[in-house]
Amino acid sequence: MTAQHLLWTVSGSAFAVAATAGLAEHRRQRRRNLDSVGWMPWNLIQVMGGLVAVLAFAYSLRL
């Protein structure tokens, strides 16, 4: 497995994490019980996952 394959895998996995966090944040925003807020920072996880996905994608194209 080359470094480029590894970066493609990291990029895809990070994109999946970002998409899952986006779905979770959407569900949290539309909850019925407003008192059950939760404690996961879904916005931060989504932004970090997207950033890692873009950077890994860019580096995989460069190699």
N, C-alpha and C. Protein backbone atom coordinates (compact mmCIF):
# COMPACT_ATOMS: atom_id res chain seq x y z
N MET A 1 0.85 -1.18 0.00
CA MET A 1 0.00 0.00 0.00
C MET A 1 0.89 1.24 0.00
N THR A 2 0.66 2.10 -0.94
CA THR A 2 1.48 3.30 -1.06
C THR A 2 0.91 4.41 -0.19
N ALA A 3 1.68 5.47 -0.10
CA ALA A 3 1.23 6.63 0.69
C ALA A 3 0.00 7.26 0.05
N GLN A 4 -0.08 7.24 -1.27
CA GLN A 4 -1.22 7.82 -1.95
C GLN A 4 -2.50 7.04 -1.64
N HIS A 5 -2.41 5.72 -1.59
CA HIS A 5 -3.58 4.91 -1.23
C HIS A 5 -4.02 5.18 0.20
N LEU A 6 -3.04 5.33 1.08
CA LEU A 6 -3.34 5.63 2.47
C LEU A 6 -4.05 6.98 2.59
N LEU A 7 -3.59 7.98 1.85
CA LEU A 7 -4.22 9.30 1.90
C LEU A 7 -5.63 9.27 1.33
N TRP A 8 -5.86 8.48 0.28
CA TRP A 8 -7.22 8.34 -0.26
C TRP A 8 -8.13 7.69 0.79
N THR A 9 -7.61 6.70 1.52
CA THR A 9 -8.40 6.05 2.56
C THR A 9 -8.71 7.02 3.70
N VAL A 10 -7.72 7.79 4.10
CA VAL A 10 -7.92 8.79 5.16
C VAL A 10 -8.94 9.83 4.71
N SER A 11 -8.85 10.26 3.47
CA SER A 11 -9.77 11.26 2.95
C SER A 11 -11.21 10.74 2.94
N GLY A 12 -11.39 9.52 2.48
CA GLY A 12 -12.73 8.93 2.46
C GLY A 12 -13.30 8.72 3.86
N SER A 13 -12.46 8.27 4.77
CA SER A 13 -12.91 8.05 6.15
C SER A 13 -13.26 9.37 6.83
N ALA A 14 -12.45 10.38 6.62
CA ALA A 14 -12.73 11.69 7.22
C ALA A 14 -14.00 12.29 6.64
N PHE A 15 -14.24 12.09 5.35
CA PHE A 15 -15.48 12.57 4.75
C PHE A 15 -16.68 11.85 5.36
N ALA A 16 -16.56 10.55 5.61
CA ALA A 16 -17.64 9.79 6.23
C ALA A 16 -17.91 10.29 7.65
N VAL A 17 -16.86 10.61 8.39
CA VAL A 17 -17.02 11.15 9.74
C VAL A 17 -17.71 12.51 9.69
N ALA A 18 -17.32 13.35 8.74
CA ALA A 18 -17.93 14.68 8.60
C ALA A 18 -19.40 14.56 8.23
N ALA A 19 -19.72 13.65 7.33
CA ALA A 19 -21.12 13.46 6.92
C ALA A 19 -21.96 12.93 8.08
N THR A 20 -21.41 12.01 8.85
CA THR A 20 -22.12 11.47 10.01
C THR A 20 -22.34 12.55 11.06
N ALA A 21 -21.34 13.38 11.29
CA ALA A 21 -21.47 14.47 12.26
C ALA A 21 -22.50 15.49 11.78
N GLY A 22 -22.55 15.74 10.49
CA GLY A 22 -23.57 16.65 9.95
C GLY A 22 -24.97 16.11 10.15
N LEU A 23 -25.14 14.81 9.95
CA LEU A 23 -26.45 14.19 10.19
C LEU A 23 -26.81 14.24 11.67
N ALA A 24 -25.85 13.99 12.53
CA ALA A 24 -26.10 14.03 13.98
C ALA A 24 -26.46 15.44 14.44
N GLU A 25 -25.80 16.45 13.89
CA GLU A 25 -26.12 17.83 14.25
C GLU A 25 -27.52 18.20 13.76
N HIS A 26 -27.88 17.72 12.59
CA HIS A 26 -29.22 17.97 12.07
C HIS A 26 -30.27 17.34 12.99
N ARG A 27 -30.02 16.12 13.43
CA ARG A 27 -30.95 15.45 14.35
C ARG A 27 -31.02 16.18 15.68
N ARG A 28 -29.88 16.69 16.17
CA ARG A 28 -29.87 17.40 17.44
C ARG A 28 -30.65 18.70 17.34
N GLN A 29 -30.55 19.38 16.22
CA GLN A 29 -31.29 20.64 16.04
C GLN A 29 -32.79 20.43 15.98
N ARG A 30 -33.23 19.25 15.53
CA ARG A 30 -34.65 19.01 15.37
C ARG A 30 -35.23 18.10 16.45
N ARG A 31 -34.59 18.03 17.62
CA ARG A 31 -35.05 17.17 18.70
C ARG A 31 -36.36 17.67 19.27
N ARG A 32 -37.13 16.77 19.83
CA ARG A 32 -38.43 17.14 20.41
C ARG A 32 -38.29 17.65 21.83
N ASN A 33 -37.44 16.99 22.61
CA ASN A 33 -37.25 17.40 23.99
C ASN A 33 -36.11 18.41 24.05
N LEU A 34 -36.43 19.68 24.22
CA LEU A 34 -35.41 20.72 24.19
C LEU A 34 -34.47 20.68 25.38
N ASP A 35 -34.84 19.96 26.43
CA ASP A 35 -33.99 19.88 27.61
C ASP A 35 -32.87 18.85 27.46
N SER A 36 -33.01 17.91 26.54
CA SER A 36 -31.96 16.90 26.35
C SER A 36 -31.00 17.39 25.25
N VAL A 37 -30.05 18.19 25.66
CA VAL A 37 -29.17 18.85 24.71
C VAL A 37 -28.10 17.92 24.17
N GLY A 38 -27.49 17.12 25.00
CA GLY A 38 -26.37 16.29 24.58
C GLY A 38 -25.06 17.00 24.84
N TRP A 39 -23.95 16.29 24.63
CA TRP A 39 -22.67 16.88 24.98
C TRP A 39 -21.63 16.77 23.86
N MET A 40 -21.98 16.15 22.74
CA MET A 40 -21.02 16.02 21.64
C MET A 40 -20.95 17.31 20.83
N PRO A 41 -19.76 17.81 20.54
CA PRO A 41 -19.63 19.02 19.71
C PRO A 41 -19.67 18.65 18.23
N TRP A 42 -20.86 18.37 17.70
CA TRP A 42 -20.98 17.87 16.34
C TRP A 42 -20.47 18.86 15.30
N ASN A 43 -20.66 20.15 15.53
CA ASN A 43 -20.15 21.13 14.57
C ASN A 43 -18.63 21.08 14.47
N LEU A 44 -17.95 20.99 15.59
CA LEU A 44 -16.49 20.90 15.60
C LEU A 44 -16.02 19.61 14.92
N ILE A 45 -16.68 18.51 15.19
CA ILE A 45 -16.31 17.24 14.57
C ILE A 45 -16.52 17.31 13.06
N GLN A 46 -17.60 17.94 12.63
CA GLN A 46 -17.87 18.07 11.20
C GLN A 46 -16.81 18.94 10.52
N VAL A 47 -16.46 20.05 11.13
CA VAL A 47 -15.46 20.94 10.54
C VAL A 47 -14.09 20.26 10.50
N MET A 48 -13.69 19.60 11.57
CA MET A 48 -12.39 18.93 11.59
C MET A 48 -12.35 17.77 10.59
N GLY A 49 -13.43 17.01 10.51
CA GLY A 49 -13.48 15.92 9.52
C GLY A 49 -13.40 16.44 8.11
N GLY A 50 -14.09 17.52 7.82
CA GLY A 50 -14.02 18.11 6.49
C GLY A 50 -12.64 18.65 6.17
N LEU A 51 -12.01 19.27 7.14
CA LEU A 51 -10.66 19.81 6.95
C LEU A 51 -9.66 18.69 6.68
N VAL A 52 -9.73 17.62 7.45
CA VAL A 52 -8.82 16.49 7.24
C VAL A 52 -9.10 15.85 5.88
N ALA A 53 -10.37 15.74 5.49
CA ALA A 53 -10.71 15.15 4.20
C ALA A 53 -10.14 15.97 3.05
N VAL A 54 -10.28 17.28 3.12
CA VAL A 54 -9.77 18.15 2.05
C VAL A 54 -8.25 18.11 1.99
N LEU A 55 -7.61 18.18 3.14
CA LEU A 55 -6.15 18.16 3.14
C LEU A 55 -5.60 16.82 2.65
N ALA A 56 -6.18 15.72 3.09
CA ALA A 56 -5.72 14.41 2.63
C ALA A 56 -5.97 14.24 1.14
N PHE A 57 -7.09 14.76 0.66
CA PHE A 57 -7.38 14.70 -0.77
C PHE A 57 -6.36 15.49 -1.57
N ALA A 58 -6.06 16.69 -1.09
CA ALA A 58 -5.08 17.53 -1.80
C ALA A 58 -3.70 16.89 -1.81
N TYR A 59 -3.28 16.33 -0.69
CA TYR A 59 -1.97 15.68 -0.64
C TYR A 59 -1.94 14.41 -1.49
N SER A 60 -3.06 13.69 -1.58
CA SER A 60 -3.07 12.48 -2.39
C SER A 60 -2.96 12.81 -3.87
N LEU A 61 -3.49 13.95 -4.29
CA LEU A 61 -3.35 14.35 -5.69
C LEU A 61 -1.93 14.82 -6.00
N ARG A 62 -1.28 15.36 -5.00
CA ARG A 62 0.06 15.91 -5.19
C ARG A 62 1.12 14.82 -5.30
N LEU A 63 0.91 13.68 -4.63
CA LEU A 63 1.93 12.62 -4.64
C LEU A 63 2.01 11.91 -5.96
